Amino acid sequence: MISFFIAKKYFLSKKTKMANLISMVALLSVAVCSAAMIVILSVMNGMNSFVAERFSLFDPDLKIEKAEGKYFEATWISAISEIEGVSKIYPTIETQALISFGNSTKVVVLKGTVEKESSQFYTPITVGEGIAIGLGISEMSHILLYTLPVSAINPSELASGYNAFDVVATNFLTTIPDYDNRYIIAPLGFVQQAIEKENKYSAVEIFISNGDVATIKSAVKKIIGDDFTVKDRQEQQDLLYSSMKVEKMIIVVIFIFVMLIACFTLIASLMLLISDKKKDQFILSSIGLKKEQIQKIFLLDGIFITLFGTAVGLITGIAITLCQQLFGWVKLGGSGGEGKYIVEAYPVALQASDILLVFLISTAVGIFASVLSTISKHEKHAS
């Protein structure tokens, strides 16, 4: 207890000018690192959440595909629709196709879905915004669409075996570039006929209105059997989510190394304080304090610097993040928000787990540095 009160006195009281300066630098180093980490992690969370949200505009809650092969018949759709929480079921079919508009052509992914209804006068399609911009397609533009029947797999049939259709762009798909640059959506029946796969599907998409996704996924698996796979949104974009986790881990590892570098000033501060308080150490030793108790004084002083610096950093980082959420100070298009972006300001998302992680790493590294400096300095004195 006496070590605690003496350490508190050293932390709050004035020291020599050099000791005060280095202590302040050590405190600010810890604070800046902690604040920067909160902001960086929040920006990563915001961008990841934004990307996941854009994917959710296109990806279903659950997606059924054949375990082996591509096309299948779905005799169990009505049974799945009776599961509590399932709101919509869309059988879909996907294939590669070629479109021609003006003097330009492009290979696209043609997706057929029952959500897209055929017109009496023309075949309506939804064109990915990236495709439309690249080819100069506008609303109600007539486009030539070429498909190859799935049965025509012989290279000699590629030149003459394709089917050509006149389709009309009635809508545009705006999600993320990965989809907007590749996808064209058309009525299900039209695509099935175009590739000669009537009553066949390549996937069945399930949308959930309420209930636990994992529970509904398990119920769907029991109905469809082992010949099919069921993927939730994260599994549909497994590579993306895995990359996000790896990126976050790398940032955390870099933060640990930066904190270690920042704590060199903490080590210097404590070693200078130990040298500055030689007279006090002699007095404390003469009145009966043991070596371990005197070491504990300087260790606690280092912990006080670490905790105070971490607290200042966390408060600053949280404040910056909340201000960005509320006011959107930092724009994606620069200070004036110039340029075409889906979102105007950098998205940020503050997570309690990140605050706890930064606090634990900062304090752990600070305590390690404090222990290292006090033990090494006293060993030198002893020798």
Protein backbone atom coordinates (compact mmCIF):
# COMPACT_ATOMS: atom_id res chain seq x y z
CA MET A 1 0.00 0.00 0.00
CA ILE A 2 2.83 2.41 0.83
CA SER A 3 4.40 1.69 -2.58
CA PHE A 4 1.11 2.68 -4.22
CA PHE A 5 0.88 6.05 -2.47
CA ILE A 6 4.55 6.91 -3.14
CA ALA A 7 4.16 5.94 -6.83
CA LYS A 8 1.02 8.10 -7.03
CA LYS A 9 2.99 11.01 -5.52
CA TYR A 10 5.80 10.55 -8.07
CA PHE A 11 3.29 10.42 -10.92
CA LEU A 12 1.50 13.62 -9.89
CA SER A 13 4.39 15.63 -8.49
CA LYS A 14 6.90 17.69 -10.45
CA LYS A 15 10.22 16.10 -11.37
CA THR A 16 13.26 17.52 -13.09
CA LYS A 17 12.59 19.25 -16.41
CA MET A 18 14.06 16.35 -18.39
CA ALA A 19 12.14 13.72 -16.40
CA ASN A 20 8.90 15.69 -16.80
CA LEU A 21 9.47 16.04 -20.54
CA ILE A 22 10.20 12.37 -21.13
CA SER A 23 7.25 11.31 -18.93
CA MET A 24 4.94 13.54 -20.94
CA VAL A 25 6.33 12.15 -24.22
CA ALA A 26 5.81 8.59 -22.94
CA LEU A 27 2.22 9.36 -21.93
CA LEU A 28 1.46 11.04 -25.27
CA SER A 29 3.06 8.15 -27.19
CA VAL A 30 0.74 5.66 -25.53
CA ALA A 31 -2.26 7.98 -26.01
CA VAL A 32 -1.57 8.64 -29.72
CA CYS A 33 -1.06 4.94 -30.47
CA SER A 34 -4.27 3.96 -28.64
CA ALA A 35 -6.32 6.70 -30.33
CA ALA A 36 -4.93 5.85 -33.77
CA MET A 37 -5.72 2.18 -33.28
CA ILE A 38 -9.32 2.89 -32.30
CA VAL A 39 -9.78 5.09 -35.38
CA ILE A 40 -8.12 2.60 -37.76
CA LEU A 41 -10.12 -0.38 -36.46
CA SER A 42 -13.34 1.67 -36.61
CA VAL A 43 -12.65 2.63 -40.23
CA MET A 44 -11.98 -1.02 -41.08
CA ASN A 45 -15.21 -2.05 -39.33
CA GLY A 46 -17.13 0.64 -41.19
CA MET A 47 -15.74 -0.31 -44.59
CA ASN A 48 -16.27 -4.04 -43.94
CA SER A 49 -19.84 -3.44 -42.76
CA PHE A 50 -20.51 -1.26 -45.79
CA VAL A 51 -19.19 -3.89 -48.20
CA ALA A 52 -21.16 -6.64 -46.43
CA GLU A 53 -24.28 -4.47 -46.60
CA ARG A 54 -23.82 -3.93 -50.34
CA PHE A 55 -23.39 -7.67 -50.86
CA SER A 56 -26.61 -8.25 -48.90
CA LEU A 57 -28.49 -6.25 -51.55
CA PHE A 58 -27.72 -9.07 -53.98
CA ASP A 59 -26.89 -12.16 -51.92
CA PRO A 60 -29.75 -14.08 -50.26
CA ASP A 61 -29.79 -15.11 -46.60
CA LEU A 62 -29.35 -18.73 -47.69
CA LYS A 63 -28.34 -20.17 -51.06
CA ILE A 64 -28.90 -23.77 -52.14
CA GLU A 65 -26.65 -25.24 -54.84
CA LYS A 66 -25.90 -28.73 -56.09
CA ALA A 67 -22.97 -30.38 -54.34
CA GLU A 68 -21.79 -31.90 -57.63
CA GLY A 69 -22.72 -30.54 -61.03
CA LYS A 70 -24.60 -27.31 -61.68
CA TYR A 71 -28.21 -27.71 -62.83
CA PHE A 72 -30.94 -29.52 -60.93
CA GLU A 73 -34.67 -29.85 -60.40
CA ALA A 74 -36.08 -28.57 -57.09
CA THR A 75 -38.98 -30.69 -55.87
CA TRP A 76 -38.64 -29.50 -52.27
CA ILE A 77 -39.35 -25.76 -52.70
CA SER A 78 -42.87 -25.96 -51.26
CA ALA A 79 -41.58 -27.85 -48.20
CA ILE A 80 -38.95 -25.15 -47.54
CA SER A 81 -41.54 -22.38 -47.89
CA GLU A 82 -43.40 -23.87 -44.90
CA ILE A 83 -40.41 -23.39 -42.55
CA GLU A 84 -41.17 -20.66 -40.03
CA GLY A 85 -39.21 -17.49 -40.78
CA VAL A 86 -38.80 -18.09 -44.53
CA SER A 87 -40.36 -15.15 -46.39
CA LYS A 88 -39.35 -15.64 -50.04
CA ILE A 89 -37.87 -18.39 -52.20
CA TYR A 90 -36.45 -17.59 -55.63
CA PRO A 91 -35.27 -20.40 -57.95
CA THR A 92 -32.52 -18.96 -60.16
CA ILE A 93 -30.32 -20.01 -63.04
CA GLU A 94 -26.97 -18.54 -64.10
CA THR A 95 -24.88 -18.89 -67.23
CA GLN A 96 -22.32 -16.95 -69.22
CA ALA A 97 -23.53 -14.91 -72.16
CA LEU A 98 -22.32 -12.30 -74.62
CA ILE A 99 -23.99 -8.94 -75.17
CA SER A 100 -23.54 -6.55 -78.06
CA PHE A 101 -24.45 -2.87 -78.02
CA GLY A 102 -23.33 -0.46 -80.72
CA ASN A 103 -19.80 -1.45 -81.66
CA SER A 104 -19.00 -2.99 -78.27
CA THR A 105 -19.34 -6.51 -76.89
CA LYS A 106 -18.88 -7.92 -73.42
CA VAL A 107 -19.00 -11.32 -71.74
CA VAL A 108 -21.44 -11.21 -68.82
CA VAL A 109 -23.08 -13.45 -66.24
CA LEU A 110 -26.75 -13.87 -67.15
CA LYS A 111 -28.96 -14.58 -64.15
CA GLY A 112 -32.56 -15.68 -64.45
CA THR A 113 -34.94 -15.14 -61.55
CA VAL A 114 -38.70 -15.28 -61.04
CA GLU A 115 -38.49 -11.81 -59.47
CA LYS A 116 -38.01 -10.44 -63.00
CA GLU A 117 -41.25 -10.70 -65.00
CA SER A 118 -41.44 -10.90 -68.79
CA SER A 119 -43.18 -8.19 -70.80
CA GLN A 120 -45.74 -8.85 -73.49
CA PHE A 121 -43.77 -6.85 -76.08
CA TYR A 122 -40.12 -7.37 -75.18
CA THR A 123 -37.75 -9.19 -72.80
CA PRO A 124 -36.77 -6.81 -69.98
CA ILE A 125 -33.36 -7.09 -68.34
CA THR A 126 -31.58 -5.41 -65.46
CA VAL A 127 -28.07 -4.37 -66.47
CA GLY A 128 -25.21 -3.96 -64.02
CA GLU A 129 -24.34 -0.27 -63.72
CA GLY A 130 -20.68 -0.93 -64.54
CA ILE A 131 -21.68 -2.73 -67.76
CA ALA A 132 -24.09 0.07 -68.69
CA ILE A 133 -21.47 2.78 -68.18
CA GLY A 134 -18.79 0.83 -70.04
CA LEU A 135 -20.98 0.16 -73.10
CA GLY A 136 -23.03 3.37 -72.99
CA ILE A 137 -26.33 1.58 -72.36
CA SER A 138 -29.25 3.77 -71.29
CA GLU A 139 -32.80 2.99 -70.19
CA MET A 140 -34.91 1.23 -72.87
CA SER A 141 -31.82 0.52 -74.97
CA HIS A 142 -32.13 -2.56 -77.21
CA ILE A 143 -29.28 -5.01 -76.70
CA LEU A 144 -28.32 -8.16 -78.57
CA LEU A 145 -27.85 -11.08 -76.20
CA TYR A 146 -26.09 -14.26 -77.29
CA THR A 147 -26.33 -17.50 -75.31
CA LEU A 148 -24.99 -20.96 -75.95
CA PRO A 149 -27.16 -23.96 -75.07
CA VAL A 150 -25.56 -26.02 -72.31
CA SER A 151 -25.69 -29.07 -74.57
CA ALA A 152 -23.51 -27.31 -77.18
CA ILE A 153 -20.14 -27.99 -75.60
CA ASN A 154 -18.33 -29.08 -78.74
CA PRO A 155 -15.93 -26.32 -79.90
CA SER A 156 -17.08 -26.85 -83.50
CA GLU A 157 -20.60 -25.81 -82.44
CA LEU A 158 -19.60 -22.51 -80.84
CA ALA A 159 -19.76 -20.52 -84.07
CA SER A 160 -23.20 -21.70 -85.17
CA GLY A 161 -24.81 -23.14 -82.05
CA TYR A 162 -25.52 -19.91 -80.20
CA ASN A 163 -28.93 -18.31 -79.74
CA ALA A 164 -29.46 -14.58 -80.32
CA PHE A 165 -32.10 -12.46 -78.60
CA ASP A 166 -33.18 -8.84 -78.65
CA VAL A 167 -33.57 -7.63 -75.06
CA VAL A 168 -34.34 -4.24 -73.52
CA ALA A 169 -32.58 -2.59 -70.56
CA THR A 170 -35.37 -1.51 -68.22
CA ASN A 171 -33.42 -1.22 -64.99
CA PHE A 172 -29.88 -0.99 -63.63
CA LEU A 173 -28.15 -2.96 -60.88
CA THR A 174 -26.27 -0.88 -58.30
CA THR A 175 -24.63 -2.93 -55.55
CA ILE A 176 -20.84 -3.33 -55.64
CA PRO A 177 -18.45 -3.21 -58.63
CA ASP A 178 -17.87 -6.98 -58.49
CA TYR A 179 -21.54 -7.53 -59.39
CA ASP A 180 -22.27 -4.32 -61.29
CA ASN A 181 -19.49 -5.07 -63.79
CA ARG A 182 -20.57 -8.66 -64.48
CA TYR A 183 -24.28 -9.31 -63.98
CA ILE A 184 -27.37 -9.01 -66.16
CA ILE A 185 -30.67 -10.18 -64.68
CA ALA A 186 -33.50 -11.51 -66.84
CA PRO A 187 -36.76 -13.46 -66.37
CA LEU A 188 -36.19 -17.05 -65.22
CA GLY A 189 -38.20 -18.70 -68.00
CA PHE A 190 -36.40 -16.70 -70.68
CA VAL A 191 -32.94 -17.78 -69.46
CA GLN A 192 -34.04 -21.42 -69.11
CA GLN A 193 -35.23 -21.43 -72.72
CA ALA A 194 -32.17 -19.54 -73.94
CA ILE A 195 -29.80 -22.26 -72.68
CA GLU A 196 -32.32 -25.08 -73.22
CA LYS A 197 -32.63 -25.97 -69.53
CA GLU A 198 -36.40 -25.79 -68.97
CA ASN A 199 -37.49 -26.58 -65.38
CA LYS A 200 -33.85 -26.60 -64.27
CA TYR A 201 -32.10 -24.29 -61.80
CA SER A 202 -28.53 -23.58 -60.75
CA ALA A 203 -29.47 -22.22 -57.31
CA VAL A 204 -32.41 -21.59 -55.00
CA GLU A 205 -32.24 -18.38 -52.96
CA ILE A 206 -33.97 -18.13 -49.60
CA PHE A 207 -34.80 -14.86 -47.83
CA ILE A 208 -35.61 -14.85 -44.12
CA SER A 209 -37.97 -12.36 -42.48
CA ASN A 210 -37.46 -13.47 -38.87
CA GLY A 211 -35.88 -16.26 -36.89
CA ASP A 212 -32.34 -17.56 -36.47
CA VAL A 213 -30.51 -18.12 -39.76
CA ALA A 214 -28.53 -21.07 -38.38
CA THR A 215 -31.71 -22.81 -37.18
CA ILE A 216 -33.46 -22.31 -40.52
CA LYS A 217 -30.32 -23.44 -42.37
CA SER A 218 -30.33 -26.68 -40.36
CA ALA A 219 -34.02 -27.24 -41.16
CA VAL A 220 -33.38 -26.68 -44.89
CA LYS A 221 -30.50 -29.18 -44.86
CA LYS A 222 -32.78 -31.86 -43.44
CA ILE A 223 -35.24 -31.33 -46.29
CA ILE A 224 -32.84 -31.21 -49.26
CA GLY A 225 -30.39 -33.93 -48.18
CA ASP A 226 -26.68 -34.37 -48.83
CA ASP A 227 -26.81 -33.83 -52.59
CA PHE A 228 -27.05 -30.07 -52.05
CA THR A 229 -25.14 -27.39 -50.14
CA VAL A 230 -26.68 -24.56 -48.11
CA LYS A 231 -24.59 -21.41 -47.63
CA ASP A 232 -25.36 -18.36 -45.53
CA ARG A 233 -24.19 -14.89 -46.61
CA GLN A 234 -20.80 -15.23 -44.97
CA GLU A 235 -20.17 -18.62 -46.60
CA GLN A 236 -21.23 -17.25 -49.99
CA GLN A 237 -18.46 -14.65 -49.65
CA ASP A 238 -16.03 -16.80 -47.67
CA LEU A 239 -12.92 -15.39 -49.35
CA LEU A 240 -14.01 -11.81 -48.67
CA TYR A 241 -14.78 -12.37 -44.99
CA SER A 242 -11.58 -14.38 -44.50
CA SER A 243 -9.60 -11.52 -46.05
CA MET A 244 -11.29 -9.03 -43.71
CA LYS A 245 -10.32 -11.10 -40.65
CA VAL A 246 -6.73 -11.48 -41.83
CA GLU A 247 -6.44 -7.73 -42.52
CA LYS A 248 -7.69 -6.95 -39.03
CA MET A 249 -5.24 -9.40 -37.47
CA ILE A 250 -2.36 -7.82 -39.40
CA ILE A 251 -3.39 -4.35 -38.19
CA VAL A 252 -3.48 -5.59 -34.58
CA VAL A 253 0.00 -7.16 -34.90
CA ILE A 254 1.36 -3.90 -36.37
CA PHE A 255 -0.24 -2.00 -33.47
CA ILE A 256 1.56 -4.25 -30.96
CA PHE A 257 4.92 -3.49 -32.60
CA VAL A 258 4.17 0.24 -32.73
CA MET A 259 3.24 0.17 -29.04
CA LEU A 260 6.49 -1.61 -28.24
CA ILE A 261 8.42 1.13 -30.05
CA ALA A 262 6.37 3.82 -28.31
CA CYS A 263 7.13 2.25 -24.93
CA PHE A 264 10.85 2.91 -25.36
CA THR A 265 10.06 6.42 -24.16
CA LEU A 266 8.29 4.89 -21.14
CA ILE A 267 11.38 2.82 -20.37
CA ALA A 268 13.56 5.93 -20.68
CA SER A 269 11.18 7.88 -18.43
CA LEU A 270 11.25 5.27 -15.67
CA MET A 271 15.01 4.79 -15.81
CA LEU A 272 15.48 8.56 -15.58
CA LEU A 273 13.03 8.70 -12.66
CA ILE A 274 14.94 5.93 -10.85
CA SER A 275 18.18 7.86 -11.27
CA ASP A 276 16.44 11.10 -10.25
CA LYS A 277 15.12 9.54 -7.03
CA LYS A 278 18.32 7.96 -5.73
CA LYS A 279 18.15 9.99 -2.53
CA ASP A 280 14.53 8.97 -1.94
CA GLN A 281 15.44 5.32 -2.48
CA PHE A 282 18.19 5.55 0.15
CA ILE A 283 15.77 7.12 2.65
CA LEU A 284 13.06 4.52 1.94
CA SER A 285 15.59 1.72 2.28
CA SER A 286 16.84 3.14 5.62
CA ILE A 287 13.33 3.20 7.10
CA GLY A 288 12.82 -0.47 6.30
CA LEU A 289 11.38 -0.73 2.77
CA LYS A 290 12.62 -3.80 0.93
CA LYS A 291 14.15 -3.78 -2.51
CA GLU A 292 11.01 -5.34 -4.01
CA GLN A 293 8.83 -2.61 -2.50
CA ILE A 294 11.05 0.14 -3.92
CA GLN A 295 10.96 -1.56 -7.34
CA LYS A 296 7.19 -1.73 -7.07
CA ILE A 297 7.05 2.08 -6.66
CA PHE A 298 8.60 2.70 -10.07
CA LEU A 299 6.68 -0.19 -11.61
CA LEU A 300 3.42 1.38 -10.44
CA ASP A 301 4.52 4.76 -11.76
CA GLY A 302 4.99 3.17 -15.19
CA ILE A 303 1.57 1.53 -14.92
CA PHE A 304 0.00 4.90 -14.02
CA ILE A 305 1.56 6.47 -17.13
CA THR A 306 0.33 3.55 -19.26
CA LEU A 307 -3.22 3.59 -17.87
CA PHE A 308 -3.58 7.36 -18.06
CA GLY A 309 -2.14 7.49 -21.59
CA THR A 310 -4.38 4.61 -22.70
CA ALA A 311 -7.46 6.28 -21.19
CA VAL A 312 -6.67 9.56 -22.95
CA GLY A 313 -6.09 7.71 -26.22
CA LEU A 314 -9.30 5.68 -25.97
CA ILE A 315 -11.40 8.75 -25.18
CA THR A 316 -9.80 10.67 -28.06
CA GLY A 317 -10.22 7.78 -30.52
CA ILE A 318 -13.84 7.21 -29.52
CA ALA A 319 -14.58 10.95 -29.82
CA ILE A 320 -13.02 11.14 -33.31
CA THR A 321 -14.98 8.06 -34.45
CA LEU A 322 -18.29 9.34 -33.08
CA CYS A 323 -17.75 12.74 -34.71
CA GLN A 324 -17.09 11.04 -38.05
CA GLN A 325 -20.29 9.02 -37.62
CA LEU A 326 -22.36 12.09 -36.77
CA PHE A 327 -20.84 14.75 -39.02
CA GLY A 328 -18.91 12.85 -41.72
CA TRP A 329 -15.98 15.24 -41.62
CA VAL A 330 -13.66 13.09 -43.75
CA LYS A 331 -15.13 12.71 -47.26
CA LEU A 332 -14.33 9.98 -49.75
CA GLY A 333 -14.07 12.57 -52.51
CA GLY A 334 -11.78 14.93 -50.61
CA SER A 335 -12.61 17.97 -48.51
CA GLY A 336 -15.49 18.97 -50.76
CA GLY A 337 -16.79 15.46 -51.34
CA GLU A 338 -16.03 15.64 -55.10
CA GLY A 339 -16.42 12.52 -57.20
CA LYS A 340 -19.05 9.83 -57.62
CA TYR A 341 -19.28 7.55 -54.58
CA ILE A 342 -22.06 5.36 -53.22
CA VAL A 343 -21.38 6.81 -49.77
CA GLU A 344 -20.20 10.40 -49.27
CA ALA A 345 -18.10 10.11 -46.09
CA TYR A 346 -15.82 7.37 -44.82
CA PRO A 347 -18.01 4.83 -42.98
CA VAL A 348 -16.87 4.02 -39.44
CA ALA A 349 -18.21 1.59 -36.86
CA LEU A 350 -17.17 1.57 -33.22
CA GLN A 351 -17.11 -1.85 -31.56
CA ALA A 352 -16.80 -2.51 -27.84
CA SER A 353 -14.57 -5.52 -28.55
CA ASP A 354 -12.04 -3.24 -30.29
CA ILE A 355 -11.98 -0.83 -27.35
CA LEU A 356 -11.32 -3.73 -24.98
CA LEU A 357 -8.66 -5.17 -27.30
CA VAL A 358 -6.78 -1.86 -27.57
CA PHE A 359 -6.98 -1.37 -23.80
CA LEU A 360 -5.60 -4.86 -23.09
CA ILE A 361 -2.76 -4.61 -25.63
CA SER A 362 -1.77 -1.09 -24.54
CA THR A 363 -1.75 -1.92 -20.84
CA ALA A 364 0.00 -5.27 -21.35
CA VAL A 365 2.79 -3.71 -23.42
CA GLY A 366 3.07 -0.81 -20.94
CA ILE A 367 3.31 -3.14 -17.94
CA PHE A 368 5.92 -5.25 -19.76
CA ALA A 369 8.00 -2.13 -20.48
CA SER A 370 7.65 -0.96 -16.87
CA VAL A 371 8.76 -4.32 -15.47
CA LEU A 372 11.69 -4.48 -17.89
CA SER A 373 12.93 -0.98 -17.06
CA THR A 374 12.61 -1.19 -13.26
CA ILE A 375 14.22 -4.63 -12.97
CA SER A 376 17.10 -3.83 -15.34
CA LYS A 377 17.82 -0.47 -13.69
CA HIS A 378 17.84 -1.88 -10.16
CA GLU A 379 20.03 -4.80 -11.25
CA LYS A 380 22.55 -2.27 -12.60
CA HIS A 381 22.46 -0.42 -9.27
CA ALA A 382 22.93 -3.67 -7.40
CA SER A 383 25.89 -4.67 -9.53
